[in-house]
Amino acid sequence: RKPTEPCTAQTSAADERWTHDPLEELGRKERHAKIAAAVAALDETSRPVVVLRYYEGLASKEIAELLEMTPAAVDMRLSRARKQLRTLLNDLVSDTPMVEQKNA
């Protein structure tokens, strides 16, 4: 027998396209849009800190150096921003259907 050829990235991407649930994809896009809108609604002091932490992956010390503040101030702004985001995204959490757990 001939050995099977390994799956290429192109093949797996094409296969993945056909196995994705369109409703799941739509739900994911809607969640991303709601999150982006909530981040955009943050005040001018919180938004850059959130973007640098969660979108750019920077540590508090790095953010503090960029924004010329202390790491403690960055952490305080992140804490306040998370509280604001929880409030803004409360409907997102309540609108998300619970995933049923399968019995093992």
PDB file of N, CA and C in Angstrom:
ATOM      1  N   ARG A   1       0.823  -1.193   0.000  1.00  0.00           N
ATOM      2  CA  ARG A   1       0.000   0.000   0.000  1.00  0.00           C
ATOM      3  C   ARG A   1       0.857   1.243   0.000  1.00  0.00           C
ATOM      4  N   LYS A   2       0.343   2.273  -0.641  1.00  0.00           N
ATOM      5  CA  LYS A   2       1.030   3.559  -0.650  1.00  0.00           C
ATOM      6  C   LYS A   2       0.749   4.276   0.673  1.00  0.00           C
ATOM      7  N   PRO A   3       1.755   4.957   1.185  1.00  0.00           N
ATOM      8  CA  PRO A   3       1.476   5.743   2.397  1.00  0.00           C
ATOM      9  C   PRO A   3       0.540   6.898   2.047  1.00  0.00           C
ATOM     10  N   THR A   4      -0.297   7.232   2.968  1.00  0.00           N
ATOM     11  CA  THR A   4      -1.223   8.347   2.721  1.00  0.00           C
ATOM     12  C   THR A   4      -0.457   9.653   2.826  1.00  0.00           C
ATOM     13  N   GLU A   5      -0.867  10.606   2.030  1.00  0.00           N
ATOM     14  CA  GLU A   5      -0.205  11.904   2.040  1.00  0.00           C
ATOM     15  C   GLU A   5      -0.745  12.725   3.199  1.00  0.00           C
ATOM     16  N   PRO A   6       0.134  13.485   3.841  1.00  0.00           N
ATOM     17  CA  PRO A   6      -0.326  14.305   4.960  1.00  0.00           C
ATOM     18  C   PRO A   6      -1.301  15.372   4.475  1.00  0.00           C
ATOM     19  N   CYS A   7      -2.175  15.730   5.356  1.00  0.00           N
ATOM     20  CA  CYS A   7      -3.175  16.756   5.052  1.00  0.00           C
ATOM     21  C   CYS A   7      -2.481  18.110   4.966  1.00  0.00           C
ATOM     22  N   THR A   8      -2.715  18.816   3.906  1.00  0.00           N
ATOM     23  CA  THR A   8      -2.117  20.142   3.748  1.00  0.00           C
ATOM     24  C   THR A   8      -3.001  21.181   4.401  1.00  0.00           C
ATOM     25  N   ALA A   9      -2.439  22.335   4.664  1.00  0.00           N
ATOM     26  CA  ALA A   9      -3.205  23.422   5.278  1.00  0.00           C
ATOM     27  C   ALA A   9      -4.357  23.842   4.378  1.00  0.00           C
ATOM     28  N   GLN A  10      -4.120  23.790   3.057  1.00  0.00           N
ATOM     29  CA  GLN A  10      -5.154  24.179   2.113  1.00  0.00           C
ATOM     30  C   GLN A  10      -6.335  23.214   2.181  1.00  0.00           C
ATOM     31  N   THR A  11      -6.044  21.925   2.231  1.00  0.00           N
ATOM     32  CA  THR A  11      -7.099  20.924   2.301  1.00  0.00           C
ATOM     33  C   THR A  11      -7.877  21.052   3.592  1.00  0.00           C
ATOM     34  N   SER A  12      -7.163  21.192   4.719  1.00  0.00           N
ATOM     35  CA  SER A  12      -7.864  21.271   5.992  1.00  0.00           C
ATOM     36  C   SER A  12      -8.696  22.544   6.082  1.00  0.00           C
ATOM     37  N   ALA A  13      -8.232  23.645   5.499  1.00  0.00           N
ATOM     38  CA  ALA A  13      -9.015  24.881   5.498  1.00  0.00           C
ATOM     39  C   ALA A  13     -10.288  24.710   4.682  1.00  0.00           C
ATOM     40  N   ALA A  14     -10.181  24.014   3.556  1.00  0.00           N
ATOM     41  CA  ALA A  14     -11.368  23.778   2.734  1.00  0.00           C
ATOM     42  C   ALA A  14     -12.343  22.867   3.470  1.00  0.00           C
ATOM     43  N   ASP A  15     -11.829  21.830   4.107  1.00  0.00           N
ATOM     44  CA  ASP A  15     -12.692  20.929   4.871  1.00  0.00           C
ATOM     45  C   ASP A  15     -13.361  21.669   6.016  1.00  0.00           C
ATOM     46  N   GLU A  16     -12.599  22.535   6.683  1.00  0.00           N
ATOM     47  CA  GLU A  16     -13.128  23.283   7.810  1.00  0.00           C
ATOM     48  C   GLU A  16     -14.257  24.209   7.373  1.00  0.00           C
ATOM     49  N   ARG A  17     -14.111  24.791   6.197  1.00  0.00           N
ATOM     50  CA  ARG A  17     -15.138  25.694   5.687  1.00  0.00           C
ATOM     51  C   ARG A  17     -16.472  24.972   5.569  1.00  0.00           C
ATOM     52  N   TRP A  18     -16.441  23.713   5.197  1.00  0.00           N
ATOM     53  CA  TRP A  18     -17.681  22.960   4.996  1.00  0.00           C
ATOM     54  C   TRP A  18     -18.240  22.409   6.293  1.00  0.00           C
ATOM     55  N   THR A  19     -17.437  22.310   7.343  1.00  0.00           N
ATOM     56  CA  THR A  19     -17.922  21.750   8.593  1.00  0.00           C
ATOM     57  C   THR A  19     -18.372  22.805   9.588  1.00  0.00           C
ATOM     58  N   HIS A  20     -18.104  24.089   9.331  1.00  0.00           N
ATOM     59  CA  HIS A  20     -18.535  25.147  10.227  1.00  0.00           C
ATOM     60  C   HIS A  20     -20.040  25.331  10.137  1.00  0.00           C
ATOM     61  N   ASP A  21     -20.626  25.530  11.284  1.00  0.00           N
ATOM     62  CA  ASP A  21     -22.053  25.811  11.351  1.00  0.00           C
ATOM     63  C   ASP A  21     -22.253  27.299  11.060  1.00  0.00           C
ATOM     64  N   PRO A  22     -23.010  27.646  10.020  1.00  0.00           N
ATOM     65  CA  PRO A  22     -23.200  29.062   9.670  1.00  0.00           C
ATOM     66  C   PRO A  22     -23.830  29.867  10.809  1.00  0.00           C
ATOM     67  N   LEU A  23     -24.736  29.261  11.563  1.00  0.00           N
ATOM     68  CA  LEU A  23     -25.347  29.985  12.680  1.00  0.00           C
ATOM     69  C   LEU A  23     -24.335  30.252  13.779  1.00  0.00           C
ATOM     70  N   GLU A  24     -23.450  29.297  13.999  1.00  0.00           N
ATOM     71  CA  GLU A  24     -22.391  29.481  14.993  1.00  0.00           C
ATOM     72  C   GLU A  24     -21.456  30.609  14.564  1.00  0.00           C
ATOM     73  N   GLU A  25     -21.119  30.635  13.296  1.00  0.00           N
ATOM     74  CA  GLU A  25     -20.252  31.687  12.753  1.00  0.00           C
ATOM     75  C   GLU A  25     -20.930  33.055  12.880  1.00  0.00           C
ATOM     76  N   LEU A  26     -22.206  33.123  12.591  1.00  0.00           N
ATOM     77  CA  LEU A  26     -22.954  34.376  12.717  1.00  0.00           C
ATOM     78  C   LEU A  26     -22.971  34.835  14.171  1.00  0.00           C
ATOM     79  N   GLY A  27     -23.197  33.902  15.090  1.00  0.00           N
ATOM     80  CA  GLY A  27     -23.203  34.237  16.511  1.00  0.00           C
ATOM     81  C   GLY A  27     -21.859  34.767  16.968  1.00  0.00           C
ATOM     82  N   ARG A  28     -20.777  34.161  16.468  1.00  0.00           N
ATOM     83  CA  ARG A  28     -19.436  34.601  16.824  1.00  0.00           C
ATOM     84  C   ARG A  28     -19.188  36.016  16.300  1.00  0.00           C
ATOM     85  N   LYS A  29     -19.610  36.287  15.072  1.00  0.00           N
ATOM     86  CA  LYS A  29     -19.428  37.623  14.501  1.00  0.00           C
ATOM     87  C   LYS A  29     -20.228  38.663  15.277  1.00  0.00           C
ATOM     88  N   GLU A  30     -21.438  38.302  15.692  1.00  0.00           N
ATOM     89  CA  GLU A  30     -22.259  39.226  16.473  1.00  0.00           C
ATOM     90  C   GLU A  30     -21.612  39.523  17.822  1.00  0.00           C
ATOM     91  N   ARG A  31     -21.054  38.487  18.481  1.00  0.00           N
ATOM     92  CA  ARG A  31     -20.372  38.693  19.761  1.00  0.00           C
ATOM     93  C   ARG A  31     -19.162  39.607  19.585  1.00  0.00           C
ATOM     94  N   HIS A  32     -18.390  39.379  18.520  1.00  0.00           N
ATOM     95  CA  HIS A  32     -17.227  40.233  18.261  1.00  0.00           C
ATOM     96  C   HIS A  32     -17.654  41.677  18.033  1.00  0.00           C
ATOM     97  N   ALA A  33     -18.746  41.879  17.319  1.00  0.00           N
ATOM     98  CA  ALA A  33     -19.235  43.231  17.061  1.00  0.00           C
ATOM     99  C   ALA A  33     -19.679  43.905  18.357  1.00  0.00           C
ATOM    100  N   LYS A  34     -20.354  43.158  19.234  1.00  0.00           N
ATOM    101  CA  LYS A  34     -20.792  43.719  20.515  1.00  0.00           C
ATOM    102  C   LYS A  34     -19.600  44.074  21.393  1.00  0.00           C
ATOM    103  N   ILE A  35     -18.598  43.218  21.397  1.00  0.00           N
ATOM    104  CA  ILE A  35     -17.399  43.487  22.198  1.00  0.00           C
ATOM    105  C   ILE A  35     -16.679  44.716  21.662  1.00  0.00           C
ATOM    106  N   ALA A  36     -16.544  44.809  20.346  1.00  0.00           N
ATOM    107  CA  ALA A  36     -15.884  45.977  19.736  1.00  0.00           C
ATOM    108  C   ALA A  36     -16.646  47.255  20.068  1.00  0.00           C
ATOM    109  N   ALA A  37     -17.969  47.204  20.037  1.00  0.00           N
ATOM    110  CA  ALA A  37     -18.776  48.380  20.368  1.00  0.00           C
ATOM    111  C   ALA A  37     -18.614  48.755  21.837  1.00  0.00           C
ATOM    112  N   ALA A  38     -18.544  47.758  22.709  1.00  0.00           N
ATOM    113  CA  ALA A  38     -18.367  48.031  24.136  1.00  0.00           C
ATOM    114  C   ALA A  38     -17.003  48.649  24.401  1.00  0.00           C
ATOM    115  N   VAL A  39     -15.977  48.146  23.763  1.00  0.00           N
ATOM    116  CA  VAL A  39     -14.634  48.715  23.926  1.00  0.00           C
ATOM    117  C   VAL A  39     -14.614  50.148  23.391  1.00  0.00           C
ATOM    118  N   ALA A  40     -15.266  50.373  22.277  1.00  0.00           N
ATOM    119  CA  ALA A  40     -15.323  51.726  21.705  1.00  0.00           C
ATOM    120  C   ALA A  40     -16.075  52.687  22.626  1.00  0.00           C
ATOM    121  N   ALA A  41     -17.007  52.170  23.422  1.00  0.00           N
ATOM    122  CA  ALA A  41     -17.796  53.013  24.317  1.00  0.00           C
ATOM    123  C   ALA A  41     -17.050  53.369  25.602  1.00  0.00           C
ATOM    124  N   LEU A  42     -15.907  52.735  25.853  1.00  0.00           N
ATOM    125  CA  LEU A  42     -15.127  53.063  27.046  1.00  0.00           C
ATOM    126  C   LEU A  42     -14.606  54.493  26.963  1.00  0.00           C
ATOM    127  N   ASP A  43     -14.331  55.079  28.120  1.00  0.00           N
ATOM    128  CA  ASP A  43     -13.803  56.437  28.144  1.00  0.00           C
ATOM    129  C   ASP A  43     -12.376  56.471  27.599  1.00  0.00           C
ATOM    130  N   GLU A  44     -11.912  57.664  27.307  1.00  0.00           N
ATOM    131  CA  GLU A  44     -10.615  57.867  26.650  1.00  0.00           C
ATOM    132  C   GLU A  44      -9.426  57.377  27.481  1.00  0.00           C
ATOM    133  N   THR A  45      -9.582  57.277  28.785  1.00  0.00           N
ATOM    134  CA  THR A  45      -8.474  56.800  29.609  1.00  0.00           C
ATOM    135  C   THR A  45      -8.459  55.285  29.729  1.00  0.00           C
ATOM    136  N   SER A  46      -9.598  54.647  29.614  1.00  0.00           N
ATOM    137  CA  SER A  46      -9.681  53.188  29.763  1.00  0.00           C
ATOM    138  C   SER A  46      -9.435  52.438  28.465  1.00  0.00           C
ATOM    139  N   ARG A  47      -9.933  52.978  27.374  1.00  0.00           N
ATOM    140  CA  ARG A  47      -9.853  52.273  26.090  1.00  0.00           C
ATOM    141  C   ARG A  47      -8.434  51.879  25.683  1.00  0.00           C
ATOM    142  N   PRO A  48      -7.454  52.808  25.714  1.00  0.00           N
ATOM    143  CA  PRO A  48      -6.109  52.410  25.276  1.00  0.00           C
ATOM    144  C   PRO A  48      -5.506  51.321  26.153  1.00  0.00           C
ATOM    145  N   VAL A  49      -5.792  51.360  27.448  1.00  0.00           N
ATOM    146  CA  VAL A  49      -5.263  50.350  28.359  1.00  0.00           C
ATOM    147  C   VAL A  49      -5.843  48.981  28.017  1.00  0.00           C
ATOM    148  N   VAL A  50      -7.128  48.928  27.748  1.00  0.00           N
ATOM    149  CA  VAL A  50      -7.790  47.667  27.391  1.00  0.00           C
ATOM    150  C   VAL A  50      -7.252  47.138  26.065  1.00  0.00           C
ATOM    151  N   VAL A  51      -7.122  48.007  25.100  1.00  0.00           N
ATOM    152  CA  VAL A  51      -6.626  47.582  23.785  1.00  0.00           C
ATOM    153  C   VAL A  51      -5.202  47.048  23.899  1.00  0.00           C
ATOM    154  N   LEU A  52      -4.357  47.764  24.620  1.00  0.00           N
ATOM    155  CA  LEU A  52      -2.968  47.318  24.750  1.00  0.00           C
ATOM    156  C   LEU A  52      -2.860  45.998  25.513  1.00  0.00           C
ATOM    157  N   ARG A  53      -3.712  45.785  26.509  1.00  0.00           N
ATOM    158  CA  ARG A  53      -3.645  44.553  27.279  1.00  0.00           C
ATOM    159  C   ARG A  53      -4.252  43.379  26.507  1.00  0.00           C
ATOM    160  N   TYR A  54      -5.493  43.527  26.066  1.00  0.00           N
ATOM    161  CA  TYR A  54      -6.228  42.380  25.541  1.00  0.00           C
ATOM    162  C   TYR A  54      -6.093  42.171  24.037  1.00  0.00           C
ATOM    163  N   TYR A  55      -5.775  43.221  23.307  1.00  0.00           N
ATOM    164  CA  TYR A  55      -5.599  43.060  21.870  1.00  0.00           C
ATOM    165  C   TYR A  55      -4.126  42.947  21.481  1.00  0.00           C
ATOM    166  N   GLU A  56      -3.267  43.654  22.227  1.00  0.00           N
ATOM    167  CA  GLU A  56      -1.839  43.633  21.924  1.00  0.00           C
ATOM    168  C   GLU A  56      -1.058  42.698  22.841  1.00  0.00           C
ATOM    169  N   GLY A  57      -1.678  42.285  23.956  1.00  0.00           N
ATOM    170  CA  GLY A  57      -1.048  41.330  24.859  1.00  0.00           C
ATOM    171  C   GLY A  57       0.090  41.884  25.692  1.00  0.00           C
ATOM    172  N   LEU A  58       0.095  43.186  25.941  1.00  0.00           N
ATOM    173  CA  LEU A  58       1.168  43.796  26.719  1.00  0.00           C
ATOM    174  C   LEU A  58       0.912  43.651  28.215  1.00  0.00           C
ATOM    175  N   ALA A  59       1.979  43.586  28.976  1.00  0.00           N
ATOM    176  CA  ALA A  59       1.902  43.525  30.431  1.00  0.00           C
ATOM    177  C   ALA A  59       1.679  44.931  30.986  1.00  0.00           C
ATOM    178  N   SER A  60       1.265  45.000  32.245  1.00  0.00           N
ATOM    179  CA  SER A  60       1.009  46.300  32.885  1.00  0.00           C
ATOM    180  C   SER A  60       2.230  47.199  32.846  1.00  0.00           C
ATOM    181  N   LYS A  61       3.399  46.628  33.077  1.00  0.00           N
ATOM    182  CA  LYS A  61       4.637  47.423  33.072  1.00  0.00           C
ATOM    183  C   LYS A  61       4.889  48.028  31.691  1.00  0.00           C
ATOM    184  N   GLU A  62       4.660  47.241  30.639  1.00  0.00           N
ATOM    185  CA  GLU A  62       4.860  47.741  29.275  1.00  0.00           C
ATOM    186  C   GLU A  62       3.859  48.841  28.939  1.00  0.00           C
ATOM    187  N   ILE A  63       2.614  48.634  29.337  1.00  0.00           N
ATOM    188  CA  ILE A  63       1.570  49.641  29.095  1.00  0.00           C
ATOM    189  C   ILE A  63       1.909  50.923  29.847  1.00  0.00           C
ATOM    190  N   ALA A  64       2.364  50.765  31.084  1.00  0.00           N
ATOM    191  CA  ALA A  64       2.720  51.932  31.899  1.00  0.00           C
ATOM    192  C   ALA A  64       3.816  52.745  31.237  1.00  0.00           C
ATOM    193  N   GLU A  65       4.810  52.067  30.681  1.00  0.00           N
ATOM    194  CA  GLU A  65       5.895  52.781  30.006  1.00  0.00           C
ATOM    195  C   GLU A  65       5.387  53.524  28.767  1.00  0.00           C
ATOM    196  N   LEU A  66       4.514  52.877  28.009  1.00  0.00           N
ATOM    197  CA  LEU A  66       3.982  53.512  26.800  1.00  0.00           C
ATOM    198  C   LEU A  66       3.111  54.723  27.110  1.00  0.00           C
ATOM    199  N   LEU A  67       2.293  54.600  28.157  1.00  0.00           N
ATOM    200  CA  LEU A  67       1.335  55.658  28.477  1.00  0.00           C
ATOM    201  C   LEU A  67       1.830  56.604  29.572  1.00  0.00           C
ATOM    202  N   GLU A  68       3.082  56.403  29.987  1.00  0.00           N
ATOM    203  CA  GLU A  68       3.706  57.254  30.992  1.00  0.00           C
ATOM    204  C   GLU A  68       2.888  57.329  32.283  1.00  0.00           C
ATOM    205  N   MET A  69       2.672  56.165  32.872  1.00  0.00           N
ATOM    206  CA  MET A  69       1.979  56.063  34.153  1.00  0.00           C
ATOM    207  C   MET A  69       2.582  54.897  34.923  1.00  0.00           C
ATOM    208  N   THR A  70       2.134  54.677  36.110  1.00  0.00           N
ATOM    209  CA  THR A  70       2.662  53.572  36.905  1.00  0.00           C
ATOM    210  C   THR A  70       1.907  52.287  36.561  1.00  0.00           C
ATOM    211  N   PRO A  71       2.546  51.130  36.786  1.00  0.00           N
ATOM    212  CA  PRO A  71       1.835  49.861  36.578  1.00  0.00           C
ATOM    213  C   PRO A  71       0.589  49.750  37.459  1.00  0.00           C
ATOM    214  N   ALA A  72       0.640  50.314  38.659  1.00  0.00           N
ATOM    215  CA  ALA A  72      -0.528  50.287  39.552  1.00  0.00           C
ATOM    216  C   ALA A  72      -1.689  51.076  38.936  1.00  0.00           C
ATOM    217  N   ALA A  73      -1.382  52.195  38.298  1.00  0.00           N
ATOM    218  CA  ALA A  73      -2.432  52.991  37.641  1.00  0.00           C
ATOM    219  C   ALA A  73      -3.031  52.217  36.471  1.00  0.00           C
ATOM    220  N   VAL A  74      -2.184  51.495  35.748  1.00  0.00           N
ATOM    221  CA  VAL A  74      -2.673  50.667  34.640  1.00  0.00           C
ATOM    222  C   VAL A  74      -3.632  49.602  35.175  1.00  0.00           C
ATOM    223  N   ASP A  75      -3.220  48.931  36.255  1.00  0.00           N
ATOM    224  CA  ASP A  75      -4.067  47.883  36.833  1.00  0.00           C
ATOM    225  C   ASP A  75      -5.393  48.448  37.330  1.00  0.00           C
ATOM    226  N   MET A  76      -5.367  49.645  37.910  1.00  0.00           N
ATOM    227  CA  MET A  76      -6.609  50.279  38.383  1.00  0.00           C
ATOM    228  C   MET A  76      -7.519  50.599  37.198  1.00  0.00           C
ATOM    229  N   ARG A  77      -6.959  51.127  36.130  1.00  0.00           N
ATOM    230  CA  ARG A  77      -7.762  51.439  34.937  1.00  0.00           C
ATOM    231  C   ARG A  77      -8.340  50.168  34.317  1.00  0.00           C
ATOM    232  N   LEU A  78      -7.544  49.107  34.306  1.00  0.00           N
ATOM    233  CA  LEU A  78      -8.046  47.832  33.787  1.00  0.00           C
ATOM    234  C   LEU A  78      -9.195  47.318  34.638  1.00  0.00           C
ATOM    235  N   SER A  79      -9.065  47.435  35.932  1.00  0.00           N
ATOM    236  CA  SER A  79     -10.128  46.983  36.832  1.00  0.00           C
ATOM    237  C   SER A  79     -11.420  47.766  36.578  1.00  0.00           C
ATOM    238  N   ARG A  80     -11.299  49.074  36.477  1.00  0.00           N
ATOM    239  CA  ARG A  80     -12.483  49.906  36.202  1.00  0.00           C
ATOM    240  C   ARG A  80     -13.071  49.601  34.820  1.00  0.00           C
ATOM    241  N   ALA A  81     -12.196  49.402  33.845  1.00  0.00           N
ATOM    242  CA  ALA A  81     -12.661  49.111  32.482  1.00  0.00           C
ATOM    243  C   ALA A  81     -13.388  47.766  32.435  1.00  0.00           C
ATOM    244  N   ARG A  82     -12.857  46.766  33.135  1.00  0.00           N
ATOM    245  CA  ARG A  82     -13.545  45.457  33.159  1.00  0.00           C
ATOM    246  C   ARG A  82     -14.927  45.580  33.775  1.00  0.00           C
ATOM    247  N   LYS A  83     -15.052  46.409  34.810  1.00  0.00           N
ATOM    248  CA  LYS A  83     -16.354  46.632  35.440  1.00  0.00           C
ATOM    249  C   LYS A  83     -17.315  47.285  34.437  1.00  0.00           C
ATOM    250  N   GLN A  84     -16.816  48.296  33.708  1.00  0.00           N
ATOM    251  CA  GLN A  84     -17.639  48.951  32.687  1.00  0.00           C
ATOM    252  C   GLN A  84     -18.037  47.953  31.601  1.00  0.00           C
ATOM    253  N   LEU A  85     -17.082  47.143  31.170  1.00  0.00           N
ATOM    254  CA  LEU A  85     -17.359  46.167  30.104  1.00  0.00           C
ATOM    255  C   LEU A  85     -18.375  45.133  30.557  1.00  0.00           C
ATOM    256  N   ARG A  86     -18.279  44.706  31.823  1.00  0.00           N
ATOM    257  CA  ARG A  86     -19.272  43.748  32.337  1.00  0.00           C
ATOM    258  C   ARG A  86     -20.680  44.334  32.224  1.00  0.00           C
ATOM    259  N   THR A  87     -20.805  45.608  32.585  1.00  0.00           N
ATOM    260  CA  THR A  87     -22.106  46.270  32.503  1.00  0.00           C
ATOM    261  C   THR A  87     -22.556  46.390  31.047  1.00  0.00           C
ATOM    262  N   LEU A  88     -21.655  46.839  30.182  1.00  0.00           N
ATOM    263  CA  LEU A  88     -21.997  47.027  28.773  1.00  0.00           C
ATOM    264  C   LEU A  88     -22.323  45.703  28.073  1.00  0.00           C
ATOM    265  N   LEU A  89     -21.659  44.645  28.492  1.00  0.00           N
ATOM    266  CA  LEU A  89     -21.831  43.356  27.820  1.00  0.00           C
ATOM    267  C   LEU A  89     -22.785  42.421  28.552  1.00  0.00           C
ATOM    268  N   ASN A  90     -23.456  42.910  29.563  1.00  0.00           N
ATOM    269  CA  ASN A  90     -24.372  42.079  30.325  1.00  0.00           C
ATOM    270  C   ASN A  90     -25.404  41.402  29.421  1.00  0.00           C
ATOM    271  N   ASP A  91     -25.910  42.134  28.440  1.00  0.00           N
ATOM    272  CA  ASP A  91     -26.893  41.540  27.527  1.00  0.00           C
ATOM    273  C   ASP A  91     -26.250  40.466  26.652  1.00  0.00           C
ATOM    274  N   LEU A  92     -24.975  40.589  26.361  1.00  0.00           N
ATOM    275  CA  LEU A  92     -24.289  39.568  25.573  1.00  0.00           C
ATOM    276  C   LEU A  92     -24.275  38.243  26.319  1.00  0.00           C
ATOM    277  N   VAL A  93     -23.984  38.292  27.598  1.00  0.00           N
ATOM    278  CA  VAL A  93     -23.944  37.076  28.404  1.00  0.00           C
ATOM    279  C   VAL A  93     -25.337  36.478  28.542  1.00  0.00           C
ATOM    280  N   SER A  94     -26.334  37.309  28.766  1.00  0.00           N
ATOM    281  CA  SER A  94     -27.689  36.793  28.946  1.00  0.00           C
ATOM    282  C   SER A  94     -28.303  36.305  27.637  1.00  0.00           C
ATOM    283  N   ASP A  95     -27.816  36.816  26.485  1.00  0.00           N
ATOM    284  CA  ASP A  95     -28.322  36.371  25.189  1.00  0.00           C
ATOM    285  C   ASP A  95     -27.646  35.106  24.678  1.00  0.00           C
ATOM    286  N   THR A  96     -26.487  34.742  25.267  1.00  0.00           N
ATOM    287  CA  THR A  96     -25.745  33.588  24.797  1.00  0.00           C
ATOM    288  C   THR A  96     -26.386  32.321  25.327  1.00  0.00           C
ATOM    289  N   PRO A  97     -26.790  31.397  24.433  1.00  0.00           N
ATOM    290  CA  PRO A  97     -27.416  30.172  24.895  1.00  0.00           C
ATOM    291  C   PRO A  97     -26.417  29.299  25.643  1.00  0.00           C
ATOM    292  N   MET A  98     -26.909  28.598  26.623  1.00  0.00           N
ATOM    293  CA  MET A  98     -26.075  27.680  27.390  1.00  0.00           C
ATOM    294  C   MET A  98     -25.754  26.481  26.515  1.00  0.00           C
ATOM    295  N   VAL A  99     -24.525  26.025  26.566  1.00  0.00           N
ATOM    296  CA  VAL A  99     -24.112  24.853  25.812  1.00  0.00           C
ATOM    297  C   VAL A  99     -24.447  23.622  26.630  1.00  0.00           C
ATOM    298  N   GLU A 100     -25.145  22.701  26.023  1.00  0.00           N
ATOM    299  CA  GLU A 100     -25.522  21.482  26.733  1.00  0.00           C
ATOM    300  C   GLU A 100     -24.305  20.602  26.920  1.00  0.00           C
ATOM    301  N   GLN A 101     -24.172  20.064  28.131  1.00  0.00           N
ATOM    302  CA  GLN A 101     -23.068  19.162  28.384  1.00  0.00           C
ATOM    303  C   GLN A 101     -23.501  17.765  28.015  1.00  0.00           C
ATOM    304  N   LYS A 102     -22.606  17.055  27.314  1.00  0.00           N
ATOM    305  CA  LYS A 102     -22.898  15.684  26.917  1.00  0.00           C
ATOM    306  C   LYS A 102     -22.488  14.753  28.038  1.00  0.00           C
ATOM    307  N   ASN A 103     -23.291  13.725  28.253  1.00  0.00           N
ATOM    308  CA  ASN A 103     -22.943  12.741  29.258  1.00  0.00           C
ATOM    309  C   ASN A 103     -21.803  11.873  28.749  1.00  0.00           C
ATOM    310  N   ALA A 104     -20.833  11.632  29.618  1.00  0.00           N
ATOM    311  CA  ALA A 104     -19.669  10.848  29.195  1.00  0.00           C
ATOM    312  C   ALA A 104     -19.966   9.375  29.164  1.00  0.00           C
TER     313      ALA A 104
END
